[in-house]
Amino acid sequence: MSLELQLSGKTAIVTGGSAGIGLAIAKALYSEGVNVVIAARNPERLENAVSAIQSLPTPGAKVIAIAADLTQAESVDKVVSTTLEQFGQIDILVNNAGSARAGSFLDLSDDVFLDAWNLKLLGYIRLVKAVVPHQKNRRDGRIVNIIGGAGRTPRPGFLPGGTTNAALLNFTRGISKELAEYNIRINAISPGATATERAERLAEQNAQARGITVEQAKAETLQGIPLKRIAQPEEIAALTLFLVSDLAASITGAEILVDGGQTPGV
């Protein structure tokens, strides 16, 4: 049995699509013939990402980039309206834009928490709210929220991100029941340690907060993973392809962990 994803001709929005997991997802979708809109804040990185995506062989798909600050409601509206103007439909939304600072709780200001909540938590919620009316009218839609293992297993050195992720898990599961009535599926992928630039920054921030070297911080992370390997962005992308395809037609409101077995409990 071959796995036919049958995604060609669909249109996807991928936020945080200029690097890391978001770029890997955008590449994977494009390679399946999906028209891809990538949104991020840095125009130069977006331009480089478009070039990298366009260098891939694809059956006639297109990619466009939109510079957008997803902490701003007007930027969310711009991403959605531009996508509809260019492609006439939004079949897939992949929420991936988000960052949170690591560090000791007592050293973190309120702004560090507010920045994480506004970009990732409210950014995801705003995009779902903007995209769903269109998908509701078409009675079809697929949404994937890239969240993170800290929402399920809190880490003292990553509370801004952990609280954001926990809230997003609650949102994803809760809204899935309302969206199911319109054949819109929404699921979460929670990566553990993944080989991205952002993971490098977090390792540096954690090491600084704890007074250890970056190499020590990385070694401790690896030691805590039963499979003893860091996930690659392409692994997250492959799972995303599955979830937005009809192969996952009965999966909604679910969270799938990609963490090498690191998360304890059930």
C-alpha atoms as a PDB file:
ATOM      1  CA  MET A   1       0.000   0.000   0.000  1.00  0.00           C
ATOM      2  CA  SER A   2       1.455   3.384  -1.009  1.00  0.00           C
ATOM      3  CA  LEU A   3       0.560   6.519   0.937  1.00  0.00           C
ATOM      4  CA  GLU A   4      -1.072   8.934  -1.490  1.00  0.00           C
ATOM      5  CA  LEU A   5      -1.486  12.280   0.272  1.00  0.00           C
ATOM      6  CA  GLN A   6      -3.505  13.891  -2.557  1.00  0.00           C
ATOM      7  CA  LEU A   7      -2.650  17.441  -1.491  1.00  0.00           C
ATOM      8  CA  SER A   8      -1.800  18.825  -4.930  1.00  0.00           C
ATOM      9  CA  GLY A   9      -3.689  22.021  -5.772  1.00  0.00           C
ATOM     10  CA  LYS A  10      -4.490  22.929  -2.187  1.00  0.00           C
ATOM     11  CA  THR A  11      -3.345  26.162  -0.534  1.00  0.00           C
ATOM     12  CA  ALA A  12      -1.604  26.468   2.821  1.00  0.00           C
ATOM     13  CA  ILE A  13      -0.532  29.263   5.141  1.00  0.00           C
ATOM     14  CA  VAL A  14       2.569  28.503   7.216  1.00  0.00           C
ATOM     15  CA  THR A  15       3.504  31.051   9.855  1.00  0.00           C
ATOM     16  CA  GLY A  16       7.086  31.274  11.004  1.00  0.00           C
ATOM     17  CA  GLY A  17       7.840  29.791   7.602  1.00  0.00           C
ATOM     18  CA  SER A  18      11.200  31.448   6.978  1.00  0.00           C
ATOM     19  CA  ALA A  19      13.340  29.081   9.064  1.00  0.00           C
ATOM     20  CA  GLY A  20      13.472  25.937  11.165  1.00  0.00           C
ATOM     21  CA  ILE A  21      10.374  23.797  11.499  1.00  0.00           C
ATOM     22  CA  GLY A  22       8.200  26.257   9.568  1.00  0.00           C
ATOM     23  CA  LEU A  23      10.499  26.259   6.555  1.00  0.00           C
ATOM     24  CA  ALA A  24      10.701  22.451   6.596  1.00  0.00           C
ATOM     25  CA  ILE A  25       6.899  22.259   6.614  1.00  0.00           C
ATOM     26  CA  ALA A  26       6.605  24.806   3.791  1.00  0.00           C
ATOM     27  CA  LYS A  27       9.093  22.806   1.700  1.00  0.00           C
ATOM     28  CA  ALA A  28       7.247  19.545   2.348  1.00  0.00           C
ATOM     29  CA  LEU A  29       3.878  21.011   1.375  1.00  0.00           C
ATOM     30  CA  TYR A  30       5.299  22.651  -1.753  1.00  0.00           C
ATOM     31  CA  SER A  31       6.894  19.365  -2.801  1.00  0.00           C
ATOM     32  CA  GLU A  32       3.426  17.785  -2.632  1.00  0.00           C
ATOM     33  CA  GLY A  33       2.036  20.384  -5.038  1.00  0.00           C
ATOM     34  CA  VAL A  34       0.525  22.694  -2.413  1.00  0.00           C
ATOM     35  CA  ASN A  35       0.515  26.453  -2.991  1.00  0.00           C
ATOM     36  CA  VAL A  36       2.281  27.853   0.066  1.00  0.00           C
ATOM     37  CA  VAL A  37       2.095  31.257   1.730  1.00  0.00           C
ATOM     38  CA  ILE A  38       4.847  31.769   4.287  1.00  0.00           C
ATOM     39  CA  ALA A  39       4.569  34.551   6.854  1.00  0.00           C
ATOM     40  CA  ALA A  40       7.277  35.856   9.164  1.00  0.00           C
ATOM     41  CA  ARG A  41       8.685  39.129  10.411  1.00  0.00           C
ATOM     42  CA  ASN A  42      12.062  39.304   8.664  1.00  0.00           C
ATOM     43  CA  PRO A  43      11.794  40.220   4.939  1.00  0.00           C
ATOM     44  CA  GLU A  44      15.345  39.129   4.126  1.00  0.00           C
ATOM     45  CA  ARG A  45      14.886  35.689   5.670  1.00  0.00           C
ATOM     46  CA  LEU A  46      11.559  35.359   3.876  1.00  0.00           C
ATOM     47  CA  GLU A  47      13.230  36.128   0.552  1.00  0.00           C
ATOM     48  CA  ASN A  48      15.881  33.493   1.198  1.00  0.00           C
ATOM     49  CA  ALA A  49      13.206  30.977   2.199  1.00  0.00           C
ATOM     50  CA  VAL A  50      11.229  31.564  -1.000  1.00  0.00           C
ATOM     51  CA  SER A  51      14.363  30.946  -3.054  1.00  0.00           C
ATOM     52  CA  ALA A  52      15.063  27.726  -1.163  1.00  0.00           C
ATOM     53  CA  ILE A  53      11.490  26.501  -1.645  1.00  0.00           C
ATOM     54  CA  GLN A  54      11.384  27.409  -5.328  1.00  0.00           C
ATOM     55  CA  SER A  55      14.563  25.415  -5.931  1.00  0.00           C
ATOM     56  CA  LEU A  56      12.627  22.225  -5.120  1.00  0.00           C
ATOM     57  CA  PRO A  57      11.019  20.158  -7.875  1.00  0.00           C
ATOM     58  CA  THR A  58       7.239  20.490  -7.707  1.00  0.00           C
ATOM     59  CA  PRO A  59       4.192  19.796  -9.898  1.00  0.00           C
ATOM     60  CA  GLY A  60       3.184  23.385 -10.567  1.00  0.00           C
ATOM     61  CA  ALA A  61       2.837  24.799  -7.061  1.00  0.00           C
ATOM     62  CA  LYS A  62       3.517  28.427  -6.147  1.00  0.00           C
ATOM     63  CA  VAL A  63       5.003  30.072  -3.063  1.00  0.00           C
ATOM     64  CA  ILE A  64       4.654  33.651  -1.860  1.00  0.00           C
ATOM     65  CA  ALA A  65       5.987  35.400   1.233  1.00  0.00           C
ATOM     66  CA  ILE A  66       4.244  37.966   3.404  1.00  0.00           C
ATOM     67  CA  ALA A  67       6.162  40.038   5.934  1.00  0.00           C
ATOM     68  CA  ALA A  68       3.905  40.151   8.964  1.00  0.00           C
ATOM     69  CA  ASP A  69       4.102  40.725  12.702  1.00  0.00           C
ATOM     70  CA  LEU A  70       1.541  38.299  14.068  1.00  0.00           C
ATOM     71  CA  THR A  71       1.315  40.151  17.363  1.00  0.00           C
ATOM     72  CA  GLN A  72      -0.741  42.662  15.381  1.00  0.00           C
ATOM     73  CA  ALA A  73      -4.333  41.860  14.387  1.00  0.00           C
ATOM     74  CA  GLU A  74      -3.987  43.833  11.151  1.00  0.00           C
ATOM     75  CA  SER A  75      -1.049  41.656  10.082  1.00  0.00           C
ATOM     76  CA  VAL A  76      -3.155  38.540  10.583  1.00  0.00           C
ATOM     77  CA  ASP A  77      -5.869  40.065   8.404  1.00  0.00           C
ATOM     78  CA  LYS A  78      -3.245  40.916   5.762  1.00  0.00           C
ATOM     79  CA  VAL A  79      -1.951  37.343   5.624  1.00  0.00           C
ATOM     80  CA  VAL A  80      -5.439  35.882   5.217  1.00  0.00           C
ATOM     81  CA  SER A  81      -6.741  38.465   2.724  1.00  0.00           C
ATOM     82  CA  THR A  82      -3.590  38.286   0.569  1.00  0.00           C
ATOM     83  CA  THR A  83      -3.802  34.490   0.465  1.00  0.00           C
ATOM     84  CA  LEU A  84      -7.433  34.629  -0.662  1.00  0.00           C
ATOM     85  CA  GLU A  85      -6.628  37.277  -3.280  1.00  0.00           C
ATOM     86  CA  GLN A  86      -3.767  35.200  -4.705  1.00  0.00           C
ATOM     87  CA  PHE A  87      -5.247  31.696  -4.502  1.00  0.00           C
ATOM     88  CA  GLY A  88      -8.972  32.023  -3.736  1.00  0.00           C
ATOM     89  CA  GLN A  89      -8.942  29.464  -0.919  1.00  0.00           C
ATOM     90  CA  ILE A  90      -7.238  28.405   2.309  1.00  0.00           C
ATOM     91  CA  ASP A  91      -7.279  24.654   2.772  1.00  0.00           C
ATOM     92  CA  ILE A  92      -4.514  24.363   5.341  1.00  0.00           C
ATOM     93  CA  LEU A  93      -3.261  26.530   8.191  1.00  0.00           C
ATOM     94  CA  VAL A  94      -0.059  25.653  10.007  1.00  0.00           C
ATOM     95  CA  ASN A  95       0.510  27.846  13.048  1.00  0.00           C
ATOM     96  CA  ASN A  96       4.207  27.806  13.848  1.00  0.00           C
ATOM     97  CA  ALA A  97       5.306  31.396  14.596  1.00  0.00           C
ATOM     98  CA  GLY A  98       6.328  31.832  18.188  1.00  0.00           C
ATOM     99  CA  SER A  99       9.230  32.383  20.496  1.00  0.00           C
ATOM    100  CA  ALA A 100       9.742  32.606  24.231  1.00  0.00           C
ATOM    101  CA  ARG A 101      12.779  33.410  26.271  1.00  0.00           C
ATOM    102  CA  ALA A 102      14.328  30.834  28.576  1.00  0.00           C
ATOM    103  CA  GLY A 103      15.703  31.834  31.962  1.00  0.00           C
ATOM    104  CA  SER A 104      15.262  31.790  35.709  1.00  0.00           C
ATOM    105  CA  PHE A 105      11.725  32.764  36.753  1.00  0.00           C
ATOM    106  CA  LEU A 106      12.843  35.487  39.172  1.00  0.00           C
ATOM    107  CA  ASP A 107      14.938  37.105  36.455  1.00  0.00           C
ATOM    108  CA  LEU A 108      12.094  37.324  33.919  1.00  0.00           C
ATOM    109  CA  SER A 109       9.976  40.469  33.673  1.00  0.00           C
ATOM    110  CA  ASP A 110       6.249  40.553  32.956  1.00  0.00           C
ATOM    111  CA  ASP A 111       7.061  41.637  29.401  1.00  0.00           C
ATOM    112  CA  VAL A 112       8.801  38.328  28.678  1.00  0.00           C
ATOM    113  CA  PHE A 113       5.589  36.463  29.508  1.00  0.00           C
ATOM    114  CA  LEU A 114       3.379  38.966  27.673  1.00  0.00           C
ATOM    115  CA  ASP A 115       5.534  38.817  24.532  1.00  0.00           C
ATOM    116  CA  ALA A 116       5.308  35.011  24.429  1.00  0.00           C
ATOM    117  CA  TRP A 117       1.556  34.993  25.000  1.00  0.00           C
ATOM    118  CA  ASN A 118       0.864  37.738  22.466  1.00  0.00           C
ATOM    119  CA  LEU A 119       2.915  36.257  19.617  1.00  0.00           C
ATOM    120  CA  LYS A 120       2.201  32.550  19.976  1.00  0.00           C
ATOM    121  CA  LEU A 121      -0.994  32.113  21.993  1.00  0.00           C
ATOM    122  CA  LEU A 122      -2.934  35.074  20.630  1.00  0.00           C
ATOM    123  CA  GLY A 123      -1.238  34.818  17.232  1.00  0.00           C
ATOM    124  CA  TYR A 124      -2.480  31.247  16.793  1.00  0.00           C
ATOM    125  CA  ILE A 125      -5.950  32.130  18.085  1.00  0.00           C
ATOM    126  CA  ARG A 126      -6.212  35.171  15.811  1.00  0.00           C
ATOM    127  CA  LEU A 127      -5.246  33.159  12.737  1.00  0.00           C
ATOM    128  CA  VAL A 128      -7.691  30.362  13.497  1.00  0.00           C
ATOM    129  CA  LYS A 129     -10.438  32.923  13.976  1.00  0.00           C
ATOM    130  CA  ALA A 130      -9.534  34.627  10.676  1.00  0.00           C
ATOM    131  CA  VAL A 131      -9.278  31.427   8.612  1.00  0.00           C
ATOM    132  CA  VAL A 132     -12.201  29.413  10.005  1.00  0.00           C
ATOM    133  CA  PRO A 133     -15.061  31.457   8.464  1.00  0.00           C
ATOM    134  CA  HIS A 134     -13.661  30.731   4.998  1.00  0.00           C
ATOM    135  CA  GLN A 135     -13.156  27.042   5.759  1.00  0.00           C
ATOM    136  CA  LYS A 136     -16.590  26.880   7.378  1.00  0.00           C
ATOM    137  CA  ASN A 137     -18.230  28.137   4.196  1.00  0.00           C
ATOM    138  CA  ARG A 138     -16.407  25.448   2.222  1.00  0.00           C
ATOM    139  CA  ARG A 139     -17.111  22.825   4.920  1.00  0.00           C
ATOM    140  CA  ASP A 140     -13.505  21.677   4.787  1.00  0.00           C
ATOM    141  CA  GLY A 141     -10.285  22.667   6.523  1.00  0.00           C
ATOM    142  CA  ARG A 142      -7.141  21.355   8.181  1.00  0.00           C
ATOM    143  CA  ILE A 143      -5.270  23.216  10.921  1.00  0.00           C
ATOM    144  CA  VAL A 144      -2.075  22.152  12.660  1.00  0.00           C
ATOM    145  CA  ASN A 145      -0.719  23.996  15.684  1.00  0.00           C
ATOM    146  CA  ILE A 146       2.986  23.444  16.335  1.00  0.00           C
ATOM    147  CA  ILE A 147       3.100  23.713  20.120  1.00  0.00           C
ATOM    148  CA  GLY A 148       5.814  21.994  22.171  1.00  0.00           C
ATOM    149  CA  GLY A 149       6.413  19.503  24.938  1.00  0.00           C
ATOM    150  CA  ALA A 150       6.757  22.162  27.645  1.00  0.00           C
ATOM    151  CA  GLY A 151       2.981  22.574  27.595  1.00  0.00           C
ATOM    152  CA  ARG A 152       2.607  19.091  29.016  1.00  0.00           C
ATOM    153  CA  THR A 153       5.817  18.853  31.060  1.00  0.00           C
ATOM    154  CA  PRO A 154       6.657  22.234  32.643  1.00  0.00           C
ATOM    155  CA  ARG A 155      10.311  23.230  32.829  1.00  0.00           C
ATOM    156  CA  PRO A 156      11.338  25.772  35.478  1.00  0.00           C
ATOM    157  CA  GLY A 157      13.676  27.514  33.054  1.00  0.00           C
ATOM    158  CA  PHE A 158      11.062  27.888  30.322  1.00  0.00           C
ATOM    159  CA  LEU A 159       7.881  29.113  31.998  1.00  0.00           C
ATOM    160  CA  PRO A 160       6.890  31.779  29.425  1.00  0.00           C
ATOM    161  CA  GLY A 161       6.936  29.112  26.705  1.00  0.00           C
ATOM    162  CA  GLY A 162       5.431  26.416  28.898  1.00  0.00           C
ATOM    163  CA  THR A 163       2.444  28.491  29.958  1.00  0.00           C
ATOM    164  CA  THR A 164       1.864  29.527  26.348  1.00  0.00           C
ATOM    165  CA  ASN A 165       1.981  25.919  25.161  1.00  0.00           C
ATOM    166  CA  ALA A 166      -0.346  24.668  27.906  1.00  0.00           C
ATOM    167  CA  ALA A 167      -2.928  27.286  26.942  1.00  0.00           C
ATOM    168  CA  LEU A 168      -2.622  26.351  23.268  1.00  0.00           C
ATOM    169  CA  LEU A 169      -3.224  22.676  24.036  1.00  0.00           C
ATOM    170  CA  ASN A 170      -6.393  23.663  25.880  1.00  0.00           C
ATOM    171  CA  PHE A 171      -7.469  25.866  22.966  1.00  0.00           C
ATOM    172  CA  THR A 172      -6.745  23.205  20.341  1.00  0.00           C
ATOM    173  CA  ARG A 173      -8.679  20.492  22.116  1.00  0.00           C
ATOM    174  CA  GLY A 174     -11.545  22.797  23.042  1.00  0.00           C
ATOM    175  CA  ILE A 175     -12.115  24.391  19.637  1.00  0.00           C
ATOM    176  CA  SER A 176     -11.824  21.044  17.823  1.00  0.00           C
ATOM    177  CA  LYS A 177     -15.308  20.052  18.941  1.00  0.00           C
ATOM    178  CA  GLU A 178     -16.878  23.209  17.543  1.00  0.00           C
ATOM    179  CA  LEU A 179     -14.976  23.009  14.250  1.00  0.00           C
ATOM    180  CA  ALA A 180     -15.739  19.319  13.703  1.00  0.00           C
ATOM    181  CA  GLU A 181     -19.326  20.228  12.817  1.00  0.00           C
ATOM    182  CA  TYR A 182     -17.970  21.923   9.676  1.00  0.00           C
ATOM    183  CA  ASN A 183     -15.462  19.196   8.737  1.00  0.00           C
ATOM    184  CA  ILE A 184     -12.561  21.323   9.948  1.00  0.00           C
ATOM    185  CA  ARG A 185      -9.883  19.286  11.717  1.00  0.00           C
ATOM    186  CA  ILE A 186      -7.422  20.897  14.124  1.00  0.00           C
ATOM    187  CA  ASN A 187      -4.532  19.033  15.723  1.00  0.00           C
ATOM    188  CA  ALA A 188      -1.339  19.785  17.604  1.00  0.00           C
ATOM    189  CA  ILE A 189       2.216  18.593  17.144  1.00  0.00           C
ATOM    190  CA  SER A 190       4.469  19.058  20.152  1.00  0.00           C
ATOM    191  CA  PRO A 191       8.132  18.710  19.231  1.00  0.00           C
ATOM    192  CA  GLY A 192      10.733  18.078  21.874  1.00  0.00           C
ATOM    193  CA  ALA A 193      14.319  19.135  21.295  1.00  0.00           C
ATOM    194  CA  THR A 194      14.662  19.815  17.558  1.00  0.00           C
ATOM    195  CA  ALA A 195      17.698  20.826  15.501  1.00  0.00           C
ATOM    196  CA  THR A 196      16.869  24.477  14.761  1.00  0.00           C
ATOM    197  CA  GLU A 197      18.467  27.893  15.266  1.00  0.00           C
ATOM    198  CA  ARG A 198      15.862  28.628  17.901  1.00  0.00           C
ATOM    199  CA  ALA A 199      16.900  25.520  19.873  1.00  0.00           C
ATOM    200  CA  GLU A 200      20.465  26.820  19.805  1.00  0.00           C
ATOM    201  CA  ARG A 201      19.340  30.148  21.305  1.00  0.00           C
ATOM    202  CA  LEU A 202      17.336  28.390  24.021  1.00  0.00           C
ATOM    203  CA  ALA A 203      20.346  26.244  24.921  1.00  0.00           C
ATOM    204  CA  GLU A 204      22.451  29.395  25.261  1.00  0.00           C
ATOM    205  CA  GLN A 205      19.816  31.111  27.417  1.00  0.00           C
ATOM    206  CA  ASN A 206      19.403  28.063  29.657  1.00  0.00           C
ATOM    207  CA  ALA A 207      23.137  27.668  30.057  1.00  0.00           C
ATOM    208  CA  GLN A 208      23.518  31.319  31.018  1.00  0.00           C
ATOM    209  CA  ALA A 209      20.690  31.134  33.553  1.00  0.00           C
ATOM    210  CA  ARG A 210      22.174  28.046  35.198  1.00  0.00           C
ATOM    211  CA  GLY A 211      25.817  29.035  35.030  1.00  0.00           C
ATOM    212  CA  ILE A 212      26.910  26.088  32.882  1.00  0.00           C
ATOM    213  CA  THR A 213      28.345  25.786  29.395  1.00  0.00           C
ATOM    214  CA  VAL A 214      26.156  25.440  26.310  1.00  0.00           C
ATOM    215  CA  GLU A 215      27.753  22.050  25.670  1.00  0.00           C
ATOM    216  CA  GLN A 216      26.735  20.886  29.153  1.00  0.00           C
ATOM    217  CA  ALA A 217      23.167  22.110  28.612  1.00  0.00           C
ATOM    218  CA  LYS A 218      22.939  20.241  25.308  1.00  0.00           C
ATOM    219  CA  ALA A 219      24.420  17.082  26.813  1.00  0.00           C
ATOM    220  CA  GLU A 220      21.875  17.138  29.648  1.00  0.00           C
ATOM    221  CA  THR A 221      19.035  17.526  27.157  1.00  0.00           C
ATOM    222  CA  LEU A 222      20.265  14.614  25.077  1.00  0.00           C
ATOM    223  CA  GLN A 223      20.738  12.450  28.167  1.00  0.00           C
ATOM    224  CA  GLY A 224      17.083  12.987  29.080  1.00  0.00           C
ATOM    225  CA  ILE A 225      15.825  11.648  25.723  1.00  0.00           C
ATOM    226  CA  PRO A 226      15.330   7.859  25.713  1.00  0.00           C
ATOM    227  CA  LEU A 227      16.087   7.597  21.985  1.00  0.00           C
ATOM    228  CA  LYS A 228      19.220   9.721  22.510  1.00  0.00           C
ATOM    229  CA  ARG A 229      18.632  11.804  19.416  1.00  0.00           C
ATOM    230  CA  ILE A 230      17.433  15.297  18.583  1.00  0.00           C
ATOM    231  CA  ALA A 231      14.474  15.492  16.205  1.00  0.00           C
ATOM    232  CA  GLN A 232      15.023  16.960  12.750  1.00  0.00           C
ATOM    233  CA  PRO A 233      12.634  19.620  11.371  1.00  0.00           C
ATOM    234  CA  GLU A 234      11.830  17.307   8.451  1.00  0.00           C
ATOM    235  CA  GLU A 235      10.308  14.794  10.885  1.00  0.00           C
ATOM    236  CA  ILE A 236       7.846  17.418  12.103  1.00  0.00           C
ATOM    237  CA  ALA A 237       7.110  18.308   8.482  1.00  0.00           C
ATOM    238  CA  ALA A 238       6.355  14.683   7.568  1.00  0.00           C
ATOM    239  CA  LEU A 239       3.874  14.369  10.421  1.00  0.00           C
ATOM    240  CA  THR A 240       2.244  17.639   9.386  1.00  0.00           C
ATOM    241  CA  LEU A 241       1.717  16.294   5.862  1.00  0.00           C
ATOM    242  CA  PHE A 242      -0.020  13.253   7.290  1.00  0.00           C
ATOM    243  CA  LEU A 243      -2.298  15.302   9.564  1.00  0.00           C
ATOM    244  CA  VAL A 244      -3.452  17.654   6.788  1.00  0.00           C
ATOM    245  CA  SER A 245      -4.138  14.769   4.397  1.00  0.00           C
ATOM    246  CA  ASP A 246      -7.262  12.634   4.242  1.00  0.00           C
ATOM    247  CA  LEU A 247      -5.218   9.761   5.657  1.00  0.00           C
ATOM    248  CA  ALA A 248      -5.907  11.455   9.008  1.00  0.00           C
ATOM    249  CA  ALA A 249      -9.583  12.094   8.287  1.00  0.00           C
ATOM    250  CA  SER A 250     -10.704  10.836  11.717  1.00  0.00           C
ATOM    251  CA  ILE A 251      -8.074  12.660  13.774  1.00  0.00           C
ATOM    252  CA  THR A 252      -8.996  15.958  15.403  1.00  0.00           C
ATOM    253  CA  GLY A 253      -8.326  17.571  18.756  1.00  0.00           C
ATOM    254  CA  ALA A 254      -5.240  15.396  19.153  1.00  0.00           C
ATOM    255  CA  GLU A 255      -1.712  16.198  20.276  1.00  0.00           C
ATOM    256  CA  ILE A 256       1.168  14.134  18.918  1.00  0.00           C
ATOM    257  CA  LEU A 257       4.481  14.272  20.744  1.00  0.00           C
ATOM    258  CA  VAL A 258       7.714  14.104  18.754  1.00  0.00           C
ATOM    259  CA  ASP A 259      10.244  14.037  21.562  1.00  0.00           C
ATOM    260  CA  GLY A 260      12.124  10.735  21.449  1.00  0.00           C
ATOM    261  CA  GLY A 261      10.098   9.366  24.356  1.00  0.00           C
ATOM    262  CA  GLN A 262      11.113  12.174  26.724  1.00  0.00           C
ATOM    263  CA  THR A 263       7.676  13.120  28.072  1.00  0.00           C
ATOM    264  CA  PRO A 264       6.880  11.212  31.260  1.00  0.00           C
ATOM    265  CA  GLY A 265       3.449   9.841  32.191  1.00  0.00           C
ATOM    266  CA  VAL A 266       0.370   9.541  30.023  1.00  0.00           C
END
